[in-house]
Amino acid sequence: GTDHGGRVGRPALRTLTNPDAGEGQVDRVTTLGWNTLEHLALFLGVPCAGARLTALNARFRPADLEQATARLRQRLLVVDATLLDLLPEGVGAPVEA
C-alpha cells in the first residue's frame, strides 16, 4: 500500500470544519490507523471540531471490524492506506487525499 503520510489527518479535519464539504454534520468519526503524528492529529482535532472520535484496533479480524463499523455508525471513517485491506467490502468510500 501507499503511505499517505501527513495527508491523512488534515483532509479529515477539513471535512469536519467545512460545512460545504458535502458530508452534512459530521459528529461521529472512526479511525483505523497506526500510531503516527497524523493519527494523533485526529485524536486532538476531532474533539476540538465538536465530534466524537472512536479508534478501531488494527489487530481486529475483518469480521470484528465489520461488526464494529456497523455498530458505531460513523459519519466519517479515516483509514490508513496500509490497512484498507482489513476493511470488509462495501465499508466506506475512498476519498482522494
PDB file of N, CA and C in Angstrom:
ATOM      1  N   GLY A   1       0.817  -1.192   0.000  1.00  0.00           N
ATOM      2  CA  GLY A   1       0.000   0.000   0.000  1.00  0.00           C
ATOM      3  C   GLY A   1       0.852   1.243   0.000  1.00  0.00           C
ATOM      4  N   THR A   2       0.247   2.343  -0.264  1.00  0.00           N
ATOM      5  CA  THR A   2       0.921   3.629  -0.287  1.00  0.00           C
ATOM      6  C   THR A   2       0.701   4.344   1.026  1.00  0.00           C
ATOM      7  N   ASP A   3       1.768   4.883   1.571  1.00  0.00           N
ATOM      8  CA  ASP A   3       1.662   5.644   2.808  1.00  0.00           C
ATOM      9  C   ASP A   3       1.358   7.088   2.451  1.00  0.00           C
ATOM     10  N   HIS A   4       0.242   7.609   2.916  1.00  0.00           N
ATOM     11  CA  HIS A   4      -0.144   8.974   2.585  1.00  0.00           C
ATOM     12  C   HIS A   4       0.470   9.998   3.528  1.00  0.00           C
ATOM     13  N   GLY A   5       1.219   9.565   4.510  1.00  0.00           N
ATOM     14  CA  GLY A   5       1.911  10.487   5.398  1.00  0.00           C
ATOM     15  C   GLY A   5       0.989  11.528   5.986  1.00  0.00           C
ATOM     16  N   GLY A   6       1.398  12.778   5.928  1.00  0.00           N
ATOM     17  CA  GLY A   6       0.667  13.872   6.537  1.00  0.00           C
ATOM     18  C   GLY A   6      -0.652  14.191   5.876  1.00  0.00           C
ATOM     19  N   ARG A   7      -0.957  13.582   4.748  1.00  0.00           N
ATOM     20  CA  ARG A   7      -2.197  13.902   4.043  1.00  0.00           C
ATOM     21  C   ARG A   7      -3.403  13.189   4.633  1.00  0.00           C
ATOM     22  N   VAL A   8      -3.207  12.284   5.561  1.00  0.00           N
ATOM     23  CA  VAL A   8      -4.332  11.506   6.085  1.00  0.00           C
ATOM     24  C   VAL A   8      -5.177  12.323   7.055  1.00  0.00           C
ATOM     25  N   GLY A   9      -4.565  12.941   8.045  1.00  0.00           N
ATOM     26  CA  GLY A   9      -5.315  13.629   9.078  1.00  0.00           C
ATOM     27  C   GLY A   9      -5.911  14.958   8.661  1.00  0.00           C
ATOM     28  N   ARG A  10      -5.153  15.753   7.905  1.00  0.00           N
ATOM     29  CA  ARG A  10      -5.618  17.091   7.573  1.00  0.00           C
ATOM     30  C   ARG A  10      -6.872  17.122   6.712  1.00  0.00           C
ATOM     31  N   PRO A  11      -7.003  16.304   5.654  1.00  0.00           N
ATOM     32  CA  PRO A  11      -8.267  16.337   4.906  1.00  0.00           C
ATOM     33  C   PRO A  11      -9.467  15.928   5.764  1.00  0.00           C
ATOM     34  N   ALA A  12      -9.270  14.990   6.665  1.00  0.00           N
ATOM     35  CA  ALA A  12     -10.372  14.583   7.535  1.00  0.00           C
ATOM     36  C   ALA A  12     -10.791  15.743   8.428  1.00  0.00           C
ATOM     37  N   LEU A  13      -9.824  16.474   8.956  1.00  0.00           N
ATOM     38  CA  LEU A  13     -10.158  17.609   9.813  1.00  0.00           C
ATOM     39  C   LEU A  13     -10.816  18.725   9.007  1.00  0.00           C
ATOM     40  N   ARG A  14     -10.391  18.924   7.747  1.00  0.00           N
ATOM     41  CA  ARG A  14     -11.047  19.928   6.897  1.00  0.00           C
ATOM     42  C   ARG A  14     -12.500  19.547   6.654  1.00  0.00           C
ATOM     43  N   THR A  15     -12.780  18.259   6.493  1.00  0.00           N
ATOM     44  CA  THR A  15     -14.153  17.808   6.286  1.00  0.00           C
ATOM     45  C   THR A  15     -15.009  18.147   7.500  1.00  0.00           C
ATOM     46  N   LEU A  16     -14.440  18.003   8.688  1.00  0.00           N
ATOM     47  CA  LEU A  16     -15.192  18.295   9.908  1.00  0.00           C
ATOM     48  C   LEU A  16     -15.494  19.777  10.062  1.00  0.00           C
ATOM     49  N   THR A  17     -14.567  20.616   9.654  1.00  0.00           N
ATOM     50  CA  THR A  17     -14.711  22.043   9.905  1.00  0.00           C
ATOM     51  C   THR A  17     -15.280  22.811   8.725  1.00  0.00           C
ATOM     52  N   ASN A  18     -15.511  22.139   7.586  1.00  0.00           N
ATOM     53  CA  ASN A  18     -16.031  22.805   6.392  1.00  0.00           C
ATOM     54  C   ASN A  18     -17.485  22.398   6.174  1.00  0.00           C
ATOM     55  N   PRO A  19     -18.436  23.269   6.438  1.00  0.00           N
ATOM     56  CA  PRO A  19     -19.843  22.890   6.280  1.00  0.00           C
ATOM     57  C   PRO A  19     -20.236  22.626   4.832  1.00  0.00           C
ATOM     58  N   ASP A  20     -19.418  23.061   3.879  1.00  0.00           N
ATOM     59  CA  ASP A  20     -19.724  22.851   2.458  1.00  0.00           C
ATOM     60  C   ASP A  20     -19.064  21.591   1.903  1.00  0.00           C
ATOM     61  N   ALA A  21     -18.526  20.736   2.776  1.00  0.00           N
ATOM     62  CA  ALA A  21     -17.788  19.558   2.330  1.00  0.00           C
ATOM     63  C   ALA A  21     -18.694  18.477   1.764  1.00  0.00           C
ATOM     64  N   GLY A  22     -20.007  18.643   1.904  1.00  0.00           N
ATOM     65  CA  GLY A  22     -20.923  17.656   1.347  1.00  0.00           C
ATOM     66  C   GLY A  22     -21.219  16.485   2.264  1.00  0.00           C
ATOM     67  N   GLU A  23     -20.679  16.486   3.448  1.00  0.00           N
ATOM     68  CA  GLU A  23     -20.883  15.375   4.381  1.00  0.00           C
ATOM     69  C   GLU A  23     -22.025  15.648   5.349  1.00  0.00           C
ATOM     70  N   GLY A  24     -22.551  16.853   5.352  1.00  0.00           N
ATOM     71  CA  GLY A  24     -23.538  17.200   6.363  1.00  0.00           C
ATOM     72  C   GLY A  24     -22.835  17.363   7.699  1.00  0.00           C
ATOM     73  N   GLN A  25     -23.567  17.275   8.774  1.00  0.00           N
ATOM     74  CA  GLN A  25     -22.979  17.405  10.104  1.00  0.00           C
ATOM     75  C   GLN A  25     -22.225  16.123  10.453  1.00  0.00           C
ATOM     76  N   VAL A  26     -20.932  16.225  10.577  1.00  0.00           N
ATOM     77  CA  VAL A  26     -20.106  15.070  10.942  1.00  0.00           C
ATOM     78  C   VAL A  26     -19.890  15.124  12.444  1.00  0.00           C
ATOM     79  N   ASP A  27     -20.584  14.236  13.160  1.00  0.00           N
ATOM     80  CA  ASP A  27     -20.468  14.221  14.609  1.00  0.00           C
ATOM     81  C   ASP A  27     -19.826  12.955  15.147  1.00  0.00           C
ATOM     82  N   ARG A  28     -19.636  11.951  14.284  1.00  0.00           N
ATOM     83  CA  ARG A  28     -19.033  10.681  14.705  1.00  0.00           C
ATOM     84  C   ARG A  28     -17.953  10.295  13.700  1.00  0.00           C
ATOM     85  N   VAL A  29     -16.724  10.188  14.179  1.00  0.00           N
ATOM     86  CA  VAL A  29     -15.577   9.844  13.333  1.00  0.00           C
ATOM     87  C   VAL A  29     -14.938   8.586  13.901  1.00  0.00           C
ATOM     88  N   THR A  30     -14.628   7.653  13.021  1.00  0.00           N
ATOM     89  CA  THR A  30     -13.918   6.437  13.417  1.00  0.00           C
ATOM     90  C   THR A  30     -12.611   6.394  12.651  1.00  0.00           C
ATOM     91  N   THR A  31     -11.560   5.965  13.320  1.00  0.00           N
ATOM     92  CA  THR A  31     -10.258   5.891  12.682  1.00  0.00           C
ATOM     93  C   THR A  31      -9.674   4.490  12.847  1.00  0.00           C
ATOM     94  N   LEU A  32      -8.968   4.072  11.825  1.00  0.00           N
ATOM     95  CA  LEU A  32      -8.234   2.810  11.837  1.00  0.00           C
ATOM     96  C   LEU A  32      -6.850   3.136  11.305  1.00  0.00           C
ATOM     97  N   GLY A  33      -5.890   3.224  12.195  1.00  0.00           N
ATOM     98  CA  GLY A  33      -4.558   3.633  11.758  1.00  0.00           C
ATOM     99  C   GLY A  33      -3.496   3.266  12.773  1.00  0.00           C
ATOM    100  N   TRP A  34      -2.273   3.513  12.353  1.00  0.00           N
ATOM    101  CA  TRP A  34      -1.125   3.262  13.214  1.00  0.00           C
ATOM    102  C   TRP A  34      -0.887   4.488  14.085  1.00  0.00           C
ATOM    103  N   ASN A  35      -0.061   4.349  15.094  1.00  0.00           N
ATOM    104  CA  ASN A  35       0.271   5.460  15.987  1.00  0.00           C
ATOM    105  C   ASN A  35       1.274   6.380  15.296  1.00  0.00           C
ATOM    106  N   THR A  36       0.743   7.288  14.493  1.00  0.00           N
ATOM    107  CA  THR A  36       1.555   8.250  13.761  1.00  0.00           C
ATOM    108  C   THR A  36       1.146   9.662  14.183  1.00  0.00           C
ATOM    109  N   LEU A  37       1.890  10.645  13.726  1.00  0.00           N
ATOM    110  CA  LEU A  37       1.527  12.031  14.024  1.00  0.00           C
ATOM    111  C   LEU A  37       0.166  12.383  13.422  1.00  0.00           C
ATOM    112  N   GLU A  38      -0.149  11.815  12.260  1.00  0.00           N
ATOM    113  CA  GLU A  38      -1.431  12.088  11.626  1.00  0.00           C
ATOM    114  C   GLU A  38      -2.581  11.521  12.451  1.00  0.00           C
ATOM    115  N   HIS A  39      -2.361  10.340  13.012  1.00  0.00           N
ATOM    116  CA  HIS A  39      -3.370   9.726  13.865  1.00  0.00           C
ATOM    117  C   HIS A  39      -3.552  10.561  15.130  1.00  0.00           C
ATOM    118  N   LEU A  40      -2.450  11.044  15.691  1.00  0.00           N
ATOM    119  CA  LEU A  40      -2.514  11.915  16.861  1.00  0.00           C
ATOM    120  C   LEU A  40      -3.270  13.202  16.531  1.00  0.00           C
ATOM    121  N   ALA A  41      -3.066  13.741  15.326  1.00  0.00           N
ATOM    122  CA  ALA A  41      -3.781  14.953  14.920  1.00  0.00           C
ATOM    123  C   ALA A  41      -5.288  14.723  14.942  1.00  0.00           C
ATOM    124  N   LEU A  42      -5.724  13.538  14.562  1.00  0.00           N
ATOM    125  CA  LEU A  42      -7.155  13.229  14.622  1.00  0.00           C
ATOM    126  C   LEU A  42      -7.648  13.183  16.067  1.00  0.00           C
ATOM    127  N   PHE A  43      -6.839  12.585  16.966  1.00  0.00           N
ATOM    128  CA  PHE A  43      -7.239  12.495  18.376  1.00  0.00           C
ATOM    129  C   PHE A  43      -7.371  13.872  19.006  1.00  0.00           C
ATOM    130  N   LEU A  44      -6.579  14.819  18.548  1.00  0.00           N
ATOM    131  CA  LEU A  44      -6.656  16.178  19.082  1.00  0.00           C
ATOM    132  C   LEU A  44      -7.685  17.020  18.338  1.00  0.00           C
ATOM    133  N   GLY A  45      -7.708  16.898  17.020  1.00  0.00           N
ATOM    134  CA  GLY A  45      -8.534  17.780  16.197  1.00  0.00           C
ATOM    135  C   GLY A  45     -10.003  17.438  16.142  1.00  0.00           C
ATOM    136  N   VAL A  46     -10.339  16.162  16.142  1.00  0.00           N
ATOM    137  CA  VAL A  46     -11.748  15.767  16.022  1.00  0.00           C
ATOM    138  C   VAL A  46     -12.576  16.284  17.211  1.00  0.00           C
ATOM    139  N   PRO A  47     -12.145  16.067  18.459  1.00  0.00           N
ATOM    140  CA  PRO A  47     -12.927  16.625  19.569  1.00  0.00           C
ATOM    141  C   PRO A  47     -12.981  18.157  19.538  1.00  0.00           C
ATOM    142  N   CYS A  48     -11.890  18.791  19.098  1.00  0.00           N
ATOM    143  CA  CYS A  48     -11.890  20.257  19.003  1.00  0.00           C
ATOM    144  C   CYS A  48     -12.892  20.734  17.958  1.00  0.00           C
ATOM    145  N   ALA A  49     -13.185  19.907  16.963  1.00  0.00           N
ATOM    146  CA  ALA A  49     -14.172  20.250  15.938  1.00  0.00           C
ATOM    147  C   ALA A  49     -15.587  19.904  16.391  1.00  0.00           C
ATOM    148  N   GLY A  50     -15.720  19.367  17.603  1.00  0.00           N
ATOM    149  CA  GLY A  50     -17.037  19.078  18.146  1.00  0.00           C
ATOM    150  C   GLY A  50     -17.582  17.704  17.812  1.00  0.00           C
ATOM    151  N   ALA A  51     -16.736  16.798  17.366  1.00  0.00           N
ATOM    152  CA  ALA A  51     -17.179  15.449  17.011  1.00  0.00           C
ATOM    153  C   ALA A  51     -16.579  14.430  17.985  1.00  0.00           C
ATOM    154  N   ARG A  52     -17.172  13.252  17.997  1.00  0.00           N
ATOM    155  CA  ARG A  52     -16.696  12.149  18.832  1.00  0.00           C
ATOM    156  C   ARG A  52     -15.792  11.253  17.984  1.00  0.00           C
ATOM    157  N   LEU A  53     -14.646  10.873  18.525  1.00  0.00           N
ATOM    158  CA  LEU A  53     -13.702  10.021  17.812  1.00  0.00           C
ATOM    159  C   LEU A  53     -13.645   8.650  18.468  1.00  0.00           C
ATOM    160  N   THR A  54     -13.722   7.619  17.650  1.00  0.00           N
ATOM    161  CA  THR A  54     -13.564   6.241  18.110  1.00  0.00           C
ATOM    162  C   THR A  54     -12.452   5.606  17.287  1.00  0.00           C
ATOM    163  N   ALA A  55     -11.530   4.941  17.953  1.00  0.00           N
ATOM    164  CA  ALA A  55     -10.426   4.273  17.264  1.00  0.00           C
ATOM    165  C   ALA A  55     -10.690   2.778  17.211  1.00  0.00           C
ATOM    166  N   LEU A  56     -10.497   2.205  16.036  1.00  0.00           N
ATOM    167  CA  LEU A  56     -10.574   0.753  15.877  1.00  0.00           C
ATOM    168  C   LEU A  56      -9.174   0.170  16.034  1.00  0.00           C
ATOM    169  N   ASN A  57      -9.103  -1.038  16.510  1.00  0.00           N
ATOM    170  CA  ASN A  57      -7.834  -1.721  16.717  1.00  0.00           C
ATOM    171  C   ASN A  57      -7.394  -2.379  15.418  1.00  0.00           C
ATOM    172  N   ALA A  58      -6.197  -2.065  14.964  1.00  0.00           N
ATOM    173  CA  ALA A  58      -5.672  -2.627  13.717  1.00  0.00           C
ATOM    174  C   ALA A  58      -5.445  -4.137  13.817  1.00  0.00           C
ATOM    175  N   ARG A  59      -5.498  -4.679  15.013  1.00  0.00           N
ATOM    176  CA  ARG A  59      -5.323  -6.132  15.175  1.00  0.00           C
ATOM    177  C   ARG A  59      -6.644  -6.893  15.118  1.00  0.00           C
ATOM    178  N   PHE A  60      -7.755  -6.166  14.972  1.00  0.00           N
ATOM    179  CA  PHE A  60      -9.048  -6.839  14.834  1.00  0.00           C
ATOM    180  C   PHE A  60      -9.072  -7.679  13.568  1.00  0.00           C
ATOM    181  N   ARG A  61      -9.797  -8.776  13.619  1.00  0.00           N
ATOM    182  CA  ARG A  61     -10.046  -9.572  12.420  1.00  0.00           C
ATOM    183  C   ARG A  61     -11.065  -8.829  11.560  1.00  0.00           C
ATOM    184  N   PRO A  62     -11.082  -9.072  10.242  1.00  0.00           N
ATOM    185  CA  PRO A  62     -12.054  -8.388   9.378  1.00  0.00           C
ATOM    186  C   PRO A  62     -13.502  -8.522   9.864  1.00  0.00           C
ATOM    187  N   ALA A  63     -13.878  -9.686  10.382  1.00  0.00           N
ATOM    188  CA  ALA A  63     -15.254  -9.864  10.877  1.00  0.00           C
ATOM    189  C   ALA A  63     -15.527  -8.948  12.072  1.00  0.00           C
ATOM    190  N   ASP A  64     -14.526  -8.779  12.944  1.00  0.00           N
ATOM    191  CA  ASP A  64     -14.688  -7.877  14.092  1.00  0.00           C
ATOM    192  C   ASP A  64     -14.790  -6.428  13.635  1.00  0.00           C
ATOM    193  N   LEU A  65     -13.995  -6.054  12.620  1.00  0.00           N
ATOM    194  CA  LEU A  65     -14.068  -4.693  12.086  1.00  0.00           C
ATOM    195  C   LEU A  65     -15.427  -4.431  11.455  1.00  0.00           C
ATOM    196  N   GLU A  66     -15.963  -5.422  10.754  1.00  0.00           N
ATOM    197  CA  GLU A  66     -17.277  -5.262  10.142  1.00  0.00           C
ATOM    198  C   GLU A  66     -18.346  -5.026  11.207  1.00  0.00           C
ATOM    199  N   GLN A  67     -18.293  -5.811  12.269  1.00  0.00           N
ATOM    200  CA  GLN A  67     -19.264  -5.659  13.358  1.00  0.00           C
ATOM    201  C   GLN A  67     -19.107  -4.297  14.037  1.00  0.00           C
ATOM    202  N   ALA A  68     -17.869  -3.883  14.277  1.00  0.00           N
ATOM    203  CA  ALA A  68     -17.625  -2.611  14.951  1.00  0.00           C
ATOM    204  C   ALA A  68     -18.075  -1.429  14.100  1.00  0.00           C
ATOM    205  N   THR A  69     -17.776  -1.446  12.809  1.00  0.00           N
ATOM    206  CA  THR A  69     -18.177  -0.321  11.960  1.00  0.00           C
ATOM    207  C   THR A  69     -19.692  -0.259  11.827  1.00  0.00           C
ATOM    208  N   ALA A  70     -20.363  -1.387  11.811  1.00  0.00           N
ATOM    209  CA  ALA A  70     -21.827  -1.390  11.735  1.00  0.00           C
ATOM    210  C   ALA A  70     -22.426  -0.835  13.023  1.00  0.00           C
ATOM    211  N   ARG A  71     -21.840  -1.183  14.144  1.00  0.00           N
ATOM    212  CA  ARG A  71     -22.351  -0.743  15.442  1.00  0.00           C
ATOM    213  C   ARG A  71     -22.086   0.749  15.671  1.00  0.00           C
ATOM    214  N   LEU A  72     -20.943   1.249  15.229  1.00  0.00           N
ATOM    215  CA  LEU A  72     -20.557   2.633  15.500  1.00  0.00           C
ATOM    216  C   LEU A  72     -21.327   3.646  14.657  1.00  0.00           C
ATOM    217  N   ARG A  73     -21.756   3.261  13.469  1.00  0.00           N
ATOM    218  CA  ARG A  73     -22.497   4.159  12.574  1.00  0.00           C
ATOM    219  C   ARG A  73     -21.786   5.499  12.386  1.00  0.00           C
ATOM    220  N   GLN A  74     -20.481   5.438  12.104  1.00  0.00           N
ATOM    221  CA  GLN A  74     -19.706   6.647  11.925  1.00  0.00           C
ATOM    222  C   GLN A  74     -20.147   7.416  10.686  1.00  0.00           C
ATOM    223  N   ARG A  75     -19.962   8.717  10.733  1.00  0.00           N
ATOM    224  CA  ARG A  75     -20.258   9.564   9.583  1.00  0.00           C
ATOM    225  C   ARG A  75     -19.015   9.729   8.715  1.00  0.00           C
ATOM    226  N   LEU A  76     -17.844   9.564   9.330  1.00  0.00           N
ATOM    227  CA  LEU A  76     -16.579   9.693   8.620  1.00  0.00           C
ATOM    228  C   LEU A  76     -15.660   8.589   9.127  1.00  0.00           C
ATOM    229  N   LEU A  77     -15.090   7.825   8.217  1.00  0.00           N
ATOM    230  CA  LEU A  77     -14.167   6.743   8.552  1.00  0.00           C
ATOM    231  C   LEU A  77     -12.818   7.086   7.933  1.00  0.00           C
ATOM    232  N   VAL A  78     -11.798   7.246   8.770  1.00  0.00           N
ATOM    233  CA  VAL A  78     -10.454   7.585   8.315  1.00  0.00           C
ATOM    234  C   VAL A  78      -9.587   6.349   8.509  1.00  0.00           C
ATOM    235  N   VAL A  79      -9.024   5.851   7.405  1.00  0.00           N
ATOM    236  CA  VAL A  79      -8.258   4.601   7.441  1.00  0.00           C
ATOM    237  C   VAL A  79      -6.896   4.823   6.816  1.00  0.00           C
ATOM    238  N   ASP A  80      -5.861   4.348   7.502  1.00  0.00           N
ATOM    239  CA  ASP A  80      -4.519   4.365   6.934  1.00  0.00           C
ATOM    240  C   ASP A  80      -4.515   3.483   5.689  1.00  0.00           C
ATOM    241  N   ALA A  81      -3.874   3.939   4.636  1.00  0.00           N
ATOM    242  CA  ALA A  81      -3.869   3.210   3.365  1.00  0.00           C
ATOM    243  C   ALA A  81      -3.307   1.800   3.511  1.00  0.00           C
ATOM    244  N   THR A  82      -2.405   1.593   4.463  1.00  0.00           N
ATOM    245  CA  THR A  82      -1.820   0.265   4.639  1.00  0.00           C
ATOM    246  C   THR A  82      -2.785  -0.716   5.283  1.00  0.00           C
ATOM    247  N   LEU A  83      -3.924  -0.218   5.799  1.00  0.00           N
ATOM    248  CA  LEU A  83      -4.893  -1.079   6.478  1.00  0.00           C
ATOM    249  C   LEU A  83      -6.193  -1.244   5.701  1.00  0.00           C
ATOM    250  N   LEU A  84      -6.271  -0.684   4.517  1.00  0.00           N
ATOM    251  CA  LEU A  84      -7.512  -0.749   3.740  1.00  0.00           C
ATOM    252  C   LEU A  84      -7.966  -2.183   3.474  1.00  0.00           C
ATOM    253  N   ASP A  85      -7.032  -3.098   3.296  1.00  0.00           N
ATOM    254  CA  ASP A  85      -7.396  -4.490   3.006  1.00  0.00           C
ATOM    255  C   ASP A  85      -8.109  -5.168   4.171  1.00  0.00           C
ATOM    256  N   LEU A  86      -8.008  -4.616   5.371  1.00  0.00           N
ATOM    257  CA  LEU A  86      -8.683  -5.206   6.531  1.00  0.00           C
ATOM    258  C   LEU A  86     -10.174  -4.922   6.541  1.00  0.00           C
ATOM    259  N   LEU A  87     -10.584  -3.844   5.870  1.00  0.00           N
ATOM    260  CA  LEU A  87     -11.998  -3.461   5.904  1.00  0.00           C
ATOM    261  C   LEU A  87     -12.838  -4.409   5.067  1.00  0.00           C
ATOM    262  N   PRO A  88     -14.019  -4.729   5.546  1.00  0.00           N
ATOM    263  CA  PRO A  88     -14.921  -5.561   4.759  1.00  0.00           C
ATOM    264  C   PRO A  88     -15.360  -4.810   3.505  1.00  0.00           C
ATOM    265  N   GLU A  89     -15.667  -5.543   2.475  1.00  0.00           N
ATOM    266  CA  GLU A  89     -16.117  -4.947   1.222  1.00  0.00           C
ATOM    267  C   GLU A  89     -17.377  -4.126   1.457  1.00  0.00           C
ATOM    268  N   GLY A  90     -17.426  -2.955   0.865  1.00  0.00           N
ATOM    269  CA  GLY A  90     -18.592  -2.104   0.973  1.00  0.00           C
ATOM    270  C   GLY A  90     -18.572  -1.144   2.151  1.00  0.00           C
ATOM    271  N   VAL A  91     -17.534  -1.182   2.986  1.00  0.00           N
ATOM    272  CA  VAL A  91     -17.458  -0.261   4.114  1.00  0.00           C
ATOM    273  C   VAL A  91     -16.687   0.973   3.656  1.00  0.00           C
ATOM    274  N   GLY A  92     -17.360   2.113   3.724  1.00  0.00           N
ATOM    275  CA  GLY A  92     -16.717   3.372   3.379  1.00  0.00           C
ATOM    276  C   GLY A  92     -16.530   3.554   1.892  1.00  0.00           C
ATOM    277  N   ALA A  93     -16.214   4.756   1.533  1.00  0.00           N
ATOM    278  CA  ALA A  93     -15.911   5.108   0.151  1.00  0.00           C
ATOM    279  C   ALA A  93     -14.603   5.876   0.152  1.00  0.00           C
ATOM    280  N   PRO A  94     -13.703   5.559  -0.757  1.00  0.00           N
ATOM    281  CA  PRO A  94     -12.409   6.252  -0.747  1.00  0.00           C
ATOM    282  C   PRO A  94     -12.561   7.734  -1.084  1.00  0.00           C
ATOM    283  N   VAL A  95     -11.731   8.530  -0.444  1.00  0.00           N
ATOM    284  CA  VAL A  95     -11.699   9.962  -0.685  1.00  0.00           C
ATOM    285  C   VAL A  95     -10.280  10.313  -1.093  1.00  0.00           C
ATOM    286  N   GLU A  96     -10.141  11.075  -2.134  1.00  0.00           N
ATOM    287  CA  GLU A  96      -8.810  11.490  -2.597  1.00  0.00           C
ATOM    288  C   GLU A  96      -8.188  12.403  -1.555  1.00  0.00           C
ATOM    289  N   ALA A  97      -6.973  12.077  -1.111  1.00  0.00           N
ATOM    290  CA  ALA A  97      -6.300  12.868  -0.066  1.00  0.00           C
ATOM    291  C   ALA A  97      -5.617  14.071  -0.642  1.00  0.00           C
TER     292      ALA A  97
END
